[in-house]
Amino acid sequence: MIFASVPPLEAEGGVVAYRVRAGGEAFAKGQRLSAEDCAVLSSAGVTQITIAREEPGDVGENEAARRLGQAALGEGLRAAEPFTGRVNLFAEADGVLLVDAGAIQRFNALDEGMTIATLPPFRRVRAGEMIATVKIIPFALPGMLVDAGLAIFSIGKPLTVAPFQPRRVGLIQLSLPETKPSVLAKTAKVTAERLAALGSALAFEQRFAHQEDTLVEALSALNPDQFDILLIFGAAAISDRRDVIPRAIERSGGQIEHLGMPVDPGNLLLIGECHAKPVIGAPGCARSPIENGFDWVLQRLSAGLTVTSGDIRAMGVGGLLMEIGTRPQPRAGHSSTEPA
């Protein structure tokens, strides 16, 4: 790409570098000048105009953005038409955004003239939401550079939406004598609404005393064909692997993948397996509809993704979320009740 300041009559085919007004007409930045445009500029008394000209092998900004945007698209995404060197990418379904951060970084490191910006990995997205934008900075790029960008994206699509899938979710709530029935009712309501937003529904709800033997019996009696995900809310937050909920899961033949998470609110979450199905020991903050670490795990499971101990450990960067006002033990201050 060559920049030059030339007389208007020598500018045909060039791209306007800066907006120019002449003879009552405006010539926008990025506009390719025709012979008629050049004549208008000259007649209006313009003596010099700065233009950019493509060199052999260059790819114009819109075409470069179109090619690169299409190359970045994985399942569940679409690309809009290019304009001013930009292509916006949109989700076609509600789900979880998957991002190959390494590919995005390698692409952005190729050259300052081409960029891609995305939403954070594992972000919950909705159909029609913009999830990324490809922007070409100059008016054109060398074809070899565009090809290098295409090569990075050809290894594996760097952007994909894992759509939410209808899930049957079982809910078990444990209570102590002092537990208010209204708390259990509200938890069931909030949980049902949370699931509905993900395209899922409660398959059943069961309530038992917060006792290990009772929970072992209840878990052992479950029919695995009746649920895809199991949620367990204790009367008190899980504080140790030897606590009631993790011990009951293991005694009934299940296993614990991870206890605790570097997301706040949501620290006291348990993820594991029961009857070969994912089970979440919910933190107290999951009784609130406000986003917390429980949502991050539930969203991934609802999109058909596995959640490992390593996945949980990786959630710390960006894991400090908005405080929940009704939380029994907020970050600042003290409470005699159980933490969320």
C-alpha atoms as a PDB file:
ATOM      1  CA  MET A   1       0.000   0.000   0.000  1.00  0.00           C
ATOM      2  CA  ILE A   2       1.454   3.346  -1.115  1.00  0.00           C
ATOM      3  CA  PHE A   3       0.435   6.707   0.354  1.00  0.00           C
ATOM      4  CA  ALA A   4       0.897   9.779  -1.833  1.00  0.00           C
ATOM      5  CA  SER A   5      -0.329  13.329  -2.265  1.00  0.00           C
ATOM      6  CA  VAL A   6      -1.176  13.879  -5.944  1.00  0.00           C
ATOM      7  CA  PRO A   7      -3.162  16.257  -8.167  1.00  0.00           C
ATOM      8  CA  PRO A   8      -6.833  15.145  -8.394  1.00  0.00           C
ATOM      9  CA  LEU A   9      -6.572  14.218 -12.088  1.00  0.00           C
ATOM     10  CA  GLU A  10      -3.849  11.701 -11.178  1.00  0.00           C
ATOM     11  CA  ALA A  11      -5.828  10.168  -8.314  1.00  0.00           C
ATOM     12  CA  GLU A  12      -8.181   7.884 -10.235  1.00  0.00           C
ATOM     13  CA  GLY A  13      -8.427   4.453  -8.604  1.00  0.00           C
ATOM     14  CA  GLY A  14      -6.856   5.696  -5.389  1.00  0.00           C
ATOM     15  CA  VAL A  15      -8.482   5.465  -1.962  1.00  0.00           C
ATOM     16  CA  VAL A  16      -9.188   8.721  -0.125  1.00  0.00           C
ATOM     17  CA  ALA A  17      -6.972   8.922   2.961  1.00  0.00           C
ATOM     18  CA  TYR A  18      -8.788  11.821   4.631  1.00  0.00           C
ATOM     19  CA  ARG A  19     -12.307  13.173   4.187  1.00  0.00           C
ATOM     20  CA  VAL A  20     -12.456  15.951   1.597  1.00  0.00           C
ATOM     21  CA  ARG A  21     -15.246  18.372   0.689  1.00  0.00           C
ATOM     22  CA  ALA A  22     -15.302  19.886  -2.810  1.00  0.00           C
ATOM     23  CA  GLY A  23     -17.969  21.494  -4.982  1.00  0.00           C
ATOM     24  CA  GLY A  24     -20.717  20.687  -2.513  1.00  0.00           C
ATOM     25  CA  GLU A  25     -19.748  17.004  -2.433  1.00  0.00           C
ATOM     26  CA  ALA A  26     -18.027  15.034   0.309  1.00  0.00           C
ATOM     27  CA  PHE A  27     -15.485  12.328  -0.395  1.00  0.00           C
ATOM     28  CA  ALA A  28     -15.257   9.984   2.566  1.00  0.00           C
ATOM     29  CA  LYS A  29     -12.164   8.344   3.955  1.00  0.00           C
ATOM     30  CA  GLY A  30     -11.791   4.964   2.257  1.00  0.00           C
ATOM     31  CA  GLN A  31     -13.738   5.953  -0.863  1.00  0.00           C
ATOM     32  CA  ARG A  32     -12.213   4.771  -4.137  1.00  0.00           C
ATOM     33  CA  LEU A  33     -12.062   7.650  -6.612  1.00  0.00           C
ATOM     34  CA  SER A  34     -13.508   7.345 -10.092  1.00  0.00           C
ATOM     35  CA  ALA A  35     -12.591   9.538 -13.085  1.00  0.00           C
ATOM     36  CA  GLU A  36     -15.738  11.583 -12.462  1.00  0.00           C
ATOM     37  CA  ASP A  37     -14.774  12.066  -8.794  1.00  0.00           C
ATOM     38  CA  CYS A  38     -11.348  13.333  -9.822  1.00  0.00           C
ATOM     39  CA  ALA A  39     -12.900  15.796 -12.278  1.00  0.00           C
ATOM     40  CA  VAL A  40     -15.195  17.171  -9.548  1.00  0.00           C
ATOM     41  CA  LEU A  41     -12.248  17.634  -7.198  1.00  0.00           C
ATOM     42  CA  SER A  42     -10.214  19.387  -9.846  1.00  0.00           C
ATOM     43  CA  SER A  43     -13.091  21.645 -10.903  1.00  0.00           C
ATOM     44  CA  ALA A  44     -13.607  22.641  -7.277  1.00  0.00           C
ATOM     45  CA  GLY A  45     -10.058  23.940  -7.082  1.00  0.00           C
ATOM     46  CA  VAL A  46      -8.501  21.089  -5.111  1.00  0.00           C
ATOM     47  CA  THR A  47      -4.841  20.982  -6.099  1.00  0.00           C
ATOM     48  CA  GLN A  48      -3.615  18.017  -4.044  1.00  0.00           C
ATOM     49  CA  ILE A  49      -5.344  15.036  -2.444  1.00  0.00           C
ATOM     50  CA  THR A  50      -3.817  12.308  -0.292  1.00  0.00           C
ATOM     51  CA  ILE A  51      -4.654   8.836  -1.499  1.00  0.00           C
ATOM     52  CA  ALA A  52      -3.591   5.266  -0.894  1.00  0.00           C
ATOM     53  CA  ARG A  53      -2.876   2.902  -3.788  1.00  0.00           C
ATOM     54  CA  GLU A  54      -2.729  -0.850  -3.612  1.00  0.00           C
ATOM     55  CA  GLU A  55       0.448  -2.550  -4.722  1.00  0.00           C
ATOM     56  CA  PRO A  56       0.499  -5.819  -6.687  1.00  0.00           C
ATOM     57  CA  GLY A  57      -0.634  -8.650  -4.429  1.00  0.00           C
ATOM     58  CA  ASP A  58      -2.421  -6.403  -1.938  1.00  0.00           C
ATOM     59  CA  VAL A  59      -5.861  -7.351  -0.634  1.00  0.00           C
ATOM     60  CA  GLY A  60      -8.334  -4.550   0.064  1.00  0.00           C
ATOM     61  CA  GLU A  61      -9.464  -3.993   3.646  1.00  0.00           C
ATOM     62  CA  ASN A  62     -13.011  -5.290   3.185  1.00  0.00           C
ATOM     63  CA  GLU A  63     -11.973  -8.389   1.267  1.00  0.00           C
ATOM     64  CA  ALA A  64      -9.236  -9.141   3.796  1.00  0.00           C
ATOM     65  CA  ALA A  65     -11.692  -8.737   6.680  1.00  0.00           C
ATOM     66  CA  ARG A  66     -14.243 -10.949   4.913  1.00  0.00           C
ATOM     67  CA  ARG A  67     -11.754 -13.781   4.332  1.00  0.00           C
ATOM     68  CA  LEU A  68     -10.339 -13.673   7.835  1.00  0.00           C
ATOM     69  CA  GLY A  69     -13.744 -13.358   9.491  1.00  0.00           C
ATOM     70  CA  GLN A  70     -15.049 -16.383   7.623  1.00  0.00           C
ATOM     71  CA  ALA A  71     -11.937 -18.364   8.502  1.00  0.00           C
ATOM     72  CA  ALA A  72     -12.444 -17.666  12.215  1.00  0.00           C
ATOM     73  CA  LEU A  73     -16.040 -18.917  12.232  1.00  0.00           C
ATOM     74  CA  GLY A  74     -16.811 -22.163  13.977  1.00  0.00           C
ATOM     75  CA  GLU A  75     -20.190 -23.755  14.635  1.00  0.00           C
ATOM     76  CA  GLY A  76     -22.973 -21.550  15.942  1.00  0.00           C
ATOM     77  CA  LEU A  77     -21.602 -18.319  14.442  1.00  0.00           C
ATOM     78  CA  ARG A  78     -22.215 -16.070  11.450  1.00  0.00           C
ATOM     79  CA  ALA A  79     -20.340 -13.148   9.926  1.00  0.00           C
ATOM     80  CA  ALA A  80     -21.889  -9.840   8.862  1.00  0.00           C
ATOM     81  CA  GLU A  81     -20.974  -8.052   5.657  1.00  0.00           C
ATOM     82  CA  PRO A  82     -17.643  -6.190   5.793  1.00  0.00           C
ATOM     83  CA  PHE A  83     -17.518  -2.399   6.046  1.00  0.00           C
ATOM     84  CA  THR A  84     -14.586  -0.029   6.493  1.00  0.00           C
ATOM     85  CA  GLY A  85     -12.289  -3.002   6.945  1.00  0.00           C
ATOM     86  CA  ARG A  86     -14.407  -4.552   9.693  1.00  0.00           C
ATOM     87  CA  VAL A  87     -16.373  -7.790   9.966  1.00  0.00           C
ATOM     88  CA  ASN A  88     -18.482  -8.459  13.053  1.00  0.00           C
ATOM     89  CA  LEU A  89     -19.173 -12.036  14.163  1.00  0.00           C
ATOM     90  CA  PHE A  90     -22.434 -13.003  15.860  1.00  0.00           C
ATOM     91  CA  ALA A  91     -23.762 -15.977  17.811  1.00  0.00           C
ATOM     92  CA  GLU A  92     -26.575 -17.893  16.150  1.00  0.00           C
ATOM     93  CA  ALA A  93     -27.668 -19.701  19.318  1.00  0.00           C
ATOM     94  CA  ASP A  94     -27.735 -19.254  23.081  1.00  0.00           C
ATOM     95  CA  GLY A  95     -24.767 -21.025  24.586  1.00  0.00           C
ATOM     96  CA  VAL A  96     -21.190 -20.817  25.826  1.00  0.00           C
ATOM     97  CA  LEU A  97     -18.483 -19.147  23.754  1.00  0.00           C
ATOM     98  CA  LEU A  98     -15.379 -21.261  23.178  1.00  0.00           C
ATOM     99  CA  VAL A  99     -12.219 -19.344  22.288  1.00  0.00           C
ATOM    100  CA  ASP A 100      -8.832 -20.692  21.256  1.00  0.00           C
ATOM    101  CA  ALA A 101      -6.916 -17.944  23.035  1.00  0.00           C
ATOM    102  CA  GLY A 102      -3.581 -19.145  21.657  1.00  0.00           C
ATOM    103  CA  ALA A 103      -4.777 -18.853  18.045  1.00  0.00           C
ATOM    104  CA  ILE A 104      -6.208 -15.396  18.702  1.00  0.00           C
ATOM    105  CA  GLN A 105      -2.923 -14.246  20.230  1.00  0.00           C
ATOM    106  CA  ARG A 106      -0.839 -15.713  17.402  1.00  0.00           C
ATOM    107  CA  PHE A 107      -3.042 -13.971  14.866  1.00  0.00           C
ATOM    108  CA  ASN A 108      -2.811 -10.583  16.605  1.00  0.00           C
ATOM    109  CA  ALA A 109       0.984 -11.000  16.832  1.00  0.00           C
ATOM    110  CA  LEU A 110       1.384 -11.406  13.061  1.00  0.00           C
ATOM    111  CA  ASP A 111       1.094  -7.754  12.124  1.00  0.00           C
ATOM    112  CA  GLU A 112      -0.309  -4.567  13.615  1.00  0.00           C
ATOM    113  CA  GLY A 113      -2.407  -4.081  10.494  1.00  0.00           C
ATOM    114  CA  MET A 114      -4.899  -6.875  11.252  1.00  0.00           C
ATOM    115  CA  THR A 115      -6.692  -7.549  14.508  1.00  0.00           C
ATOM    116  CA  ILE A 116      -9.383  -9.678  16.068  1.00  0.00           C
ATOM    117  CA  ALA A 117     -11.115  -8.927  19.380  1.00  0.00           C
ATOM    118  CA  THR A 118     -13.394 -11.396  21.160  1.00  0.00           C
ATOM    119  CA  LEU A 119     -15.552 -11.747  24.234  1.00  0.00           C
ATOM    120  CA  PRO A 120     -13.885 -13.692  27.076  1.00  0.00           C
ATOM    121  CA  PRO A 121     -13.685 -17.493  26.761  1.00  0.00           C
ATOM    122  CA  PHE A 122     -16.624 -19.424  28.252  1.00  0.00           C
ATOM    123  CA  ARG A 123     -18.799 -16.326  28.275  1.00  0.00           C
ATOM    124  CA  ARG A 124     -22.522 -17.052  28.177  1.00  0.00           C
ATOM    125  CA  VAL A 125     -23.839 -15.596  24.910  1.00  0.00           C
ATOM    126  CA  ARG A 126     -27.262 -15.151  23.366  1.00  0.00           C
ATOM    127  CA  ALA A 127     -28.387 -15.587  19.771  1.00  0.00           C
ATOM    128  CA  GLY A 128     -27.725 -12.369  17.869  1.00  0.00           C
ATOM    129  CA  GLU A 129     -25.032 -11.149  20.284  1.00  0.00           C
ATOM    130  CA  MET A 130     -21.749  -9.891  18.811  1.00  0.00           C
ATOM    131  CA  ILE A 131     -18.958 -12.134  20.034  1.00  0.00           C
ATOM    132  CA  ALA A 132     -15.971 -10.895  17.997  1.00  0.00           C
ATOM    133  CA  THR A 133     -14.855  -8.316  15.468  1.00  0.00           C
ATOM    134  CA  VAL A 134     -12.128  -8.501  12.819  1.00  0.00           C
ATOM    135  CA  LYS A 135     -10.656  -5.112  11.928  1.00  0.00           C
ATOM    136  CA  ILE A 136      -8.114  -4.341   9.210  1.00  0.00           C
ATOM    137  CA  ILE A 137      -6.244  -1.148  10.086  1.00  0.00           C
ATOM    138  CA  PRO A 138      -4.815   0.015   6.712  1.00  0.00           C
ATOM    139  CA  PHE A 139      -6.786   0.256   3.475  1.00  0.00           C
ATOM    140  CA  ALA A 140      -5.141  -2.940   2.205  1.00  0.00           C
ATOM    141  CA  LEU A 141      -2.805  -5.695   3.343  1.00  0.00           C
ATOM    142  CA  PRO A 142      -0.182  -7.736   1.487  1.00  0.00           C
ATOM    143  CA  GLY A 143      -1.765 -10.965   0.302  1.00  0.00           C
ATOM    144  CA  MET A 144       0.979 -13.022   1.952  1.00  0.00           C
ATOM    145  CA  LEU A 145       0.043 -11.526   5.312  1.00  0.00           C
ATOM    146  CA  VAL A 146      -3.632 -12.357   4.848  1.00  0.00           C
ATOM    147  CA  ASP A 147      -2.639 -15.907   3.903  1.00  0.00           C
ATOM    148  CA  ALA A 148      -0.596 -16.195   7.097  1.00  0.00           C
ATOM    149  CA  GLY A 149      -3.645 -15.195   9.126  1.00  0.00           C
ATOM    150  CA  LEU A 150      -5.808 -17.696   7.271  1.00  0.00           C
ATOM    151  CA  ALA A 151      -3.256 -20.412   7.994  1.00  0.00           C
ATOM    152  CA  ILE A 152      -3.537 -19.820  11.750  1.00  0.00           C
ATOM    153  CA  PHE A 153      -7.310 -20.138  11.647  1.00  0.00           C
ATOM    154  CA  SER A 154      -7.209 -23.169   9.351  1.00  0.00           C
ATOM    155  CA  ILE A 155      -5.603 -25.335  12.044  1.00  0.00           C
ATOM    156  CA  GLY A 156      -8.811 -25.255  14.081  1.00  0.00           C
ATOM    157  CA  LYS A 157     -11.665 -22.798  14.255  1.00  0.00           C
ATOM    158  CA  PRO A 158     -10.745 -20.381  17.053  1.00  0.00           C
ATOM    159  CA  LEU A 159     -14.347 -19.374  17.805  1.00  0.00           C
ATOM    160  CA  THR A 160     -17.296 -21.667  18.461  1.00  0.00           C
ATOM    161  CA  VAL A 161     -20.559 -21.484  20.360  1.00  0.00           C
ATOM    162  CA  ALA A 162     -21.496 -24.611  22.300  1.00  0.00           C
ATOM    163  CA  PRO A 163     -25.305 -24.310  22.322  1.00  0.00           C
ATOM    164  CA  PHE A 164     -27.344 -24.976  25.419  1.00  0.00           C
ATOM    165  CA  GLN A 165     -29.071 -28.347  25.304  1.00  0.00           C
ATOM    166  CA  PRO A 166     -32.284 -29.231  27.142  1.00  0.00           C
ATOM    167  CA  ARG A 167     -31.233 -30.872  30.394  1.00  0.00           C
ATOM    168  CA  ARG A 168     -33.305 -32.704  32.994  1.00  0.00           C
ATOM    169  CA  VAL A 169     -32.025 -31.483  36.330  1.00  0.00           C
ATOM    170  CA  GLY A 170     -32.635 -33.142  39.670  1.00  0.00           C
ATOM    171  CA  LEU A 171     -32.727 -30.998  42.806  1.00  0.00           C
ATOM    172  CA  ILE A 172     -32.089 -32.263  46.332  1.00  0.00           C
ATOM    173  CA  GLN A 173     -32.422 -29.852  49.258  1.00  0.00           C
ATOM    174  CA  LEU A 174     -31.243 -30.663  52.759  1.00  0.00           C
ATOM    175  CA  SER A 175     -32.569 -28.927  55.840  1.00  0.00           C
ATOM    176  CA  LEU A 176     -32.079 -28.592  59.576  1.00  0.00           C
ATOM    177  CA  PRO A 177     -34.924 -28.117  62.091  1.00  0.00           C
ATOM    178  CA  GLU A 178     -34.383 -24.348  61.989  1.00  0.00           C
ATOM    179  CA  THR A 179     -34.419 -24.142  58.179  1.00  0.00           C
ATOM    180  CA  LYS A 180     -37.380 -22.048  57.029  1.00  0.00           C
ATOM    181  CA  PRO A 181     -39.667 -23.675  54.432  1.00  0.00           C
ATOM    182  CA  SER A 182     -39.710 -20.324  52.618  1.00  0.00           C
ATOM    183  CA  VAL A 183     -35.955 -20.645  51.999  1.00  0.00           C
ATOM    184  CA  LEU A 184     -36.426 -24.026  50.352  1.00  0.00           C
ATOM    185  CA  ALA A 185     -39.346 -22.766  48.283  1.00  0.00           C
ATOM    186  CA  LYS A 186     -37.386 -19.743  47.104  1.00  0.00           C
ATOM    187  CA  THR A 187     -34.390 -21.914  46.225  1.00  0.00           C
ATOM    188  CA  ALA A 188     -36.566 -24.204  44.109  1.00  0.00           C
ATOM    189  CA  LYS A 189     -38.123 -21.208  42.346  1.00  0.00           C
ATOM    190  CA  VAL A 190     -34.802 -19.475  41.641  1.00  0.00           C
ATOM    191  CA  THR A 191     -33.290 -22.739  40.427  1.00  0.00           C
ATOM    192  CA  ALA A 192     -36.199 -23.439  38.065  1.00  0.00           C
ATOM    193  CA  GLU A 193     -35.915 -19.936  36.609  1.00  0.00           C
ATOM    194  CA  ARG A 194     -32.143 -20.287  36.239  1.00  0.00           C
ATOM    195  CA  LEU A 195     -32.593 -23.559  34.371  1.00  0.00           C
ATOM    196  CA  ALA A 196     -35.366 -22.219  32.149  1.00  0.00           C
ATOM    197  CA  ALA A 197     -33.018 -19.457  30.970  1.00  0.00           C
ATOM    198  CA  LEU A 198     -30.663 -22.214  29.784  1.00  0.00           C
ATOM    199  CA  GLY A 199     -33.405 -24.196  28.050  1.00  0.00           C
ATOM    200  CA  SER A 200     -33.542 -26.829  30.798  1.00  0.00           C
ATOM    201  CA  ALA A 201     -36.036 -27.792  33.500  1.00  0.00           C
ATOM    202  CA  LEU A 202     -36.334 -29.446  36.887  1.00  0.00           C
ATOM    203  CA  ALA A 203     -36.963 -33.166  36.539  1.00  0.00           C
ATOM    204  CA  PHE A 204     -37.703 -33.570  40.258  1.00  0.00           C
ATOM    205  CA  GLU A 205     -37.170 -31.995  43.659  1.00  0.00           C
ATOM    206  CA  GLN A 206     -36.578 -33.935  46.865  1.00  0.00           C
ATOM    207  CA  ARG A 207     -36.115 -32.681  50.424  1.00  0.00           C
ATOM    208  CA  PHE A 208     -34.357 -34.505  53.249  1.00  0.00           C
ATOM    209  CA  ALA A 209     -32.764 -33.880  56.616  1.00  0.00           C
ATOM    210  CA  HIS A 210     -29.172 -32.666  56.505  1.00  0.00           C
ATOM    211  CA  GLN A 211     -27.752 -36.027  57.575  1.00  0.00           C
ATOM    212  CA  GLU A 212     -25.113 -38.147  55.846  1.00  0.00           C
ATOM    213  CA  ASP A 213     -26.899 -41.507  56.121  1.00  0.00           C
ATOM    214  CA  THR A 214     -30.162 -40.004  54.882  1.00  0.00           C
ATOM    215  CA  LEU A 215     -28.462 -38.457  51.858  1.00  0.00           C
ATOM    216  CA  VAL A 216     -26.591 -41.707  51.080  1.00  0.00           C
ATOM    217  CA  GLU A 217     -29.896 -43.561  51.002  1.00  0.00           C
ATOM    218  CA  ALA A 218     -31.499 -40.885  48.804  1.00  0.00           C
ATOM    219  CA  LEU A 219     -28.628 -40.812  46.306  1.00  0.00           C
ATOM    220  CA  SER A 220     -28.449 -44.598  46.102  1.00  0.00           C
ATOM    221  CA  ALA A 221     -32.166 -44.742  45.302  1.00  0.00           C
ATOM    222  CA  LEU A 222     -32.001 -42.289  42.404  1.00  0.00           C
ATOM    223  CA  ASN A 223     -32.851 -43.510  38.908  1.00  0.00           C
ATOM    224  CA  PRO A 224     -30.066 -42.169  36.637  1.00  0.00           C
ATOM    225  CA  ASP A 225     -32.389 -42.341  33.635  1.00  0.00           C
ATOM    226  CA  GLN A 226     -34.483 -39.548  35.151  1.00  0.00           C
ATOM    227  CA  PHE A 227     -31.863 -36.782  35.197  1.00  0.00           C
ATOM    228  CA  ASP A 228     -28.845 -35.385  33.336  1.00  0.00           C
ATOM    229  CA  ILE A 229     -27.478 -33.126  36.085  1.00  0.00           C
ATOM    230  CA  LEU A 230     -27.964 -33.314  39.842  1.00  0.00           C
ATOM    231  CA  LEU A 231     -27.920 -30.309  42.169  1.00  0.00           C
ATOM    232  CA  ILE A 232     -27.601 -30.632  45.950  1.00  0.00           C
ATOM    233  CA  PHE A 233     -28.220 -27.709  48.291  1.00  0.00           C
ATOM    234  CA  GLY A 234     -27.117 -28.318  51.865  1.00  0.00           C
ATOM    235  CA  ALA A 235     -28.585 -26.636  54.911  1.00  0.00           C
ATOM    236  CA  ALA A 236     -25.045 -25.393  55.512  1.00  0.00           C
ATOM    237  CA  ALA A 237     -22.266 -24.625  53.063  1.00  0.00           C
ATOM    238  CA  ILE A 238     -19.795 -27.428  52.266  1.00  0.00           C
ATOM    239  CA  SER A 239     -16.573 -26.702  54.119  1.00  0.00           C
ATOM    240  CA  ASP A 240     -14.545 -29.910  53.820  1.00  0.00           C
ATOM    241  CA  ARG A 241     -14.348 -33.126  51.784  1.00  0.00           C
ATOM    242  CA  ARG A 242     -15.388 -34.963  54.946  1.00  0.00           C
ATOM    243  CA  ASP A 243     -18.576 -32.907  55.186  1.00  0.00           C
ATOM    244  CA  VAL A 244     -22.043 -34.437  54.744  1.00  0.00           C
ATOM    245  CA  ILE A 245     -22.549 -33.916  51.008  1.00  0.00           C
ATOM    246  CA  PRO A 246     -19.139 -35.042  49.654  1.00  0.00           C
ATOM    247  CA  ARG A 247     -19.051 -38.048  52.013  1.00  0.00           C
ATOM    248  CA  ALA A 248     -22.568 -39.078  50.979  1.00  0.00           C
ATOM    249  CA  ILE A 249     -21.693 -38.799  47.284  1.00  0.00           C
ATOM    250  CA  GLU A 250     -18.677 -41.053  47.719  1.00  0.00           C
ATOM    251  CA  ARG A 251     -20.487 -43.555  49.915  1.00  0.00           C
ATOM    252  CA  SER A 252     -23.264 -43.892  47.309  1.00  0.00           C
ATOM    253  CA  GLY A 253     -20.713 -44.790  44.621  1.00  0.00           C
ATOM    254  CA  GLY A 254     -19.999 -41.330  43.241  1.00  0.00           C
ATOM    255  CA  GLN A 255     -16.800 -39.335  43.232  1.00  0.00           C
ATOM    256  CA  ILE A 256     -15.634 -35.791  43.897  1.00  0.00           C
ATOM    257  CA  GLU A 257     -13.834 -33.933  41.112  1.00  0.00           C
ATOM    258  CA  HIS A 258     -13.168 -30.701  42.973  1.00  0.00           C
ATOM    259  CA  LEU A 259     -14.241 -28.859  46.114  1.00  0.00           C
ATOM    260  CA  GLY A 260     -13.950 -25.098  46.203  1.00  0.00           C
ATOM    261  CA  MET A 261     -13.432 -22.642  43.379  1.00  0.00           C
ATOM    262  CA  PRO A 262     -11.484 -19.385  42.848  1.00  0.00           C
ATOM    263  CA  VAL A 263     -14.680 -17.504  42.030  1.00  0.00           C
ATOM    264  CA  ASP A 264     -16.368 -15.235  44.530  1.00  0.00           C
ATOM    265  CA  PRO A 265     -19.274 -15.467  45.226  1.00  0.00           C
ATOM    266  CA  GLY A 266     -19.164 -19.222  44.693  1.00  0.00           C
ATOM    267  CA  ASN A 267     -16.079 -20.350  46.635  1.00  0.00           C
ATOM    268  CA  LEU A 268     -17.819 -23.237  48.389  1.00  0.00           C
ATOM    269  CA  LEU A 269     -18.918 -25.185  45.312  1.00  0.00           C
ATOM    270  CA  LEU A 270     -18.422 -28.898  44.782  1.00  0.00           C
ATOM    271  CA  ILE A 271     -18.332 -30.627  41.393  1.00  0.00           C
ATOM    272  CA  GLY A 272     -18.393 -34.366  41.048  1.00  0.00           C
ATOM    273  CA  GLU A 273     -20.234 -37.353  39.649  1.00  0.00           C
ATOM    274  CA  CYS A 274     -23.146 -39.449  40.854  1.00  0.00           C
ATOM    275  CA  HIS A 275     -24.575 -42.392  38.841  1.00  0.00           C
ATOM    276  CA  ALA A 276     -22.158 -41.303  36.063  1.00  0.00           C
ATOM    277  CA  LYS A 277     -23.942 -37.938  35.869  1.00  0.00           C
ATOM    278  CA  PRO A 278     -22.553 -34.509  36.855  1.00  0.00           C
ATOM    279  CA  VAL A 279     -23.419 -33.436  40.380  1.00  0.00           C
ATOM    280  CA  ILE A 280     -22.984 -29.965  41.838  1.00  0.00           C
ATOM    281  CA  GLY A 281     -22.890 -29.317  45.549  1.00  0.00           C
ATOM    282  CA  ALA A 282     -24.243 -25.783  45.411  1.00  0.00           C
ATOM    283  CA  PRO A 283     -22.762 -22.898  47.387  1.00  0.00           C
ATOM    284  CA  GLY A 284     -25.165 -20.818  49.445  1.00  0.00           C
ATOM    285  CA  CYS A 285     -24.956 -17.925  46.967  1.00  0.00           C
ATOM    286  CA  ALA A 286     -26.688 -20.131  44.368  1.00  0.00           C
ATOM    287  CA  ARG A 287     -29.942 -19.473  46.230  1.00  0.00           C
ATOM    288  CA  SER A 288     -29.741 -15.960  44.764  1.00  0.00           C
ATOM    289  CA  PRO A 289     -30.507 -15.222  41.090  1.00  0.00           C
ATOM    290  CA  ILE A 290     -27.470 -12.920  40.901  1.00  0.00           C
ATOM    291  CA  GLU A 291     -24.575 -14.336  38.866  1.00  0.00           C
ATOM    292  CA  ASN A 292     -22.063 -16.369  40.846  1.00  0.00           C
ATOM    293  CA  GLY A 293     -19.598 -19.212  40.313  1.00  0.00           C
ATOM    294  CA  PHE A 294     -22.409 -21.767  40.325  1.00  0.00           C
ATOM    295  CA  ASP A 295     -23.725 -20.201  37.098  1.00  0.00           C
ATOM    296  CA  TRP A 296     -20.385 -20.651  35.339  1.00  0.00           C
ATOM    297  CA  VAL A 297     -20.352 -24.374  36.056  1.00  0.00           C
ATOM    298  CA  LEU A 298     -24.052 -24.911  35.344  1.00  0.00           C
ATOM    299  CA  GLN A 299     -23.793 -23.071  32.011  1.00  0.00           C
ATOM    300  CA  ARG A 300     -20.918 -25.245  30.819  1.00  0.00           C
ATOM    301  CA  LEU A 301     -22.684 -28.439  31.823  1.00  0.00           C
ATOM    302  CA  SER A 302     -25.864 -27.229  30.124  1.00  0.00           C
ATOM    303  CA  ALA A 303     -23.870 -26.737  26.916  1.00  0.00           C
ATOM    304  CA  GLY A 304     -22.601 -30.301  26.994  1.00  0.00           C
ATOM    305  CA  LEU A 305     -19.116 -29.375  28.200  1.00  0.00           C
ATOM    306  CA  THR A 306     -17.220 -31.272  30.851  1.00  0.00           C
ATOM    307  CA  VAL A 307     -15.956 -29.397  33.901  1.00  0.00           C
ATOM    308  CA  THR A 308     -12.725 -30.695  35.399  1.00  0.00           C
ATOM    309  CA  SER A 309     -10.698 -29.705  38.429  1.00  0.00           C
ATOM    310  CA  GLY A 310      -8.344 -27.892  36.055  1.00  0.00           C
ATOM    311  CA  ASP A 311     -11.253 -25.957  34.557  1.00  0.00           C
ATOM    312  CA  ILE A 312     -12.326 -24.831  38.024  1.00  0.00           C
ATOM    313  CA  ARG A 313      -8.797 -23.775  38.977  1.00  0.00           C
ATOM    314  CA  ALA A 314      -8.531 -21.700  35.796  1.00  0.00           C
ATOM    315  CA  MET A 315     -11.559 -19.562  36.695  1.00  0.00           C
ATOM    316  CA  GLY A 316      -9.701 -17.314  39.114  1.00  0.00           C
ATOM    317  CA  VAL A 317      -8.684 -14.649  36.588  1.00  0.00           C
ATOM    318  CA  GLY A 318     -11.899 -12.679  36.235  1.00  0.00           C
ATOM    319  CA  GLY A 319     -13.467 -14.674  39.052  1.00  0.00           C
ATOM    320  CA  LEU A 320     -14.189 -11.732  41.361  1.00  0.00           C
ATOM    321  CA  LEU A 321     -17.872 -11.093  40.668  1.00  0.00           C
ATOM    322  CA  MET A 322     -20.419  -8.615  41.946  1.00  0.00           C
ATOM    323  CA  GLU A 323     -21.173  -8.973  45.640  1.00  0.00           C
ATOM    324  CA  ILE A 324     -24.589 -10.396  46.552  1.00  0.00           C
ATOM    325  CA  GLY A 325     -26.317  -8.098  49.047  1.00  0.00           C
ATOM    326  CA  THR A 326     -28.217 -10.869  50.839  1.00  0.00           C
ATOM    327  CA  ARG A 327     -25.139 -13.052  51.253  1.00  0.00           C
ATOM    328  CA  PRO A 328     -24.878 -14.300  54.870  1.00  0.00           C
ATOM    329  CA  GLN A 329     -21.169 -13.538  55.056  1.00  0.00           C
ATOM    330  CA  PRO A 330     -20.065 -10.804  52.621  1.00  0.00           C
ATOM    331  CA  ARG A 331     -16.434 -10.098  51.756  1.00  0.00           C
ATOM    332  CA  ALA A 332     -16.397  -7.100  54.084  1.00  0.00           C
ATOM    333  CA  GLY A 333     -17.729  -7.551  57.604  1.00  0.00           C
ATOM    334  CA  HIS A 334     -18.639 -10.590  59.646  1.00  0.00           C
ATOM    335  CA  SER A 335     -21.642 -12.787  60.291  1.00  0.00           C
ATOM    336  CA  SER A 336     -22.379 -15.616  62.653  1.00  0.00           C
ATOM    337  CA  THR A 337     -24.177 -17.573  59.941  1.00  0.00           C
ATOM    338  CA  GLU A 338     -22.751 -19.813  57.240  1.00  0.00           C
ATOM    339  CA  PRO A 339     -20.782 -18.195  54.398  1.00  0.00           C
ATOM    340  CA  ALA A 340     -22.149 -18.326  50.865  1.00  0.00           C
END
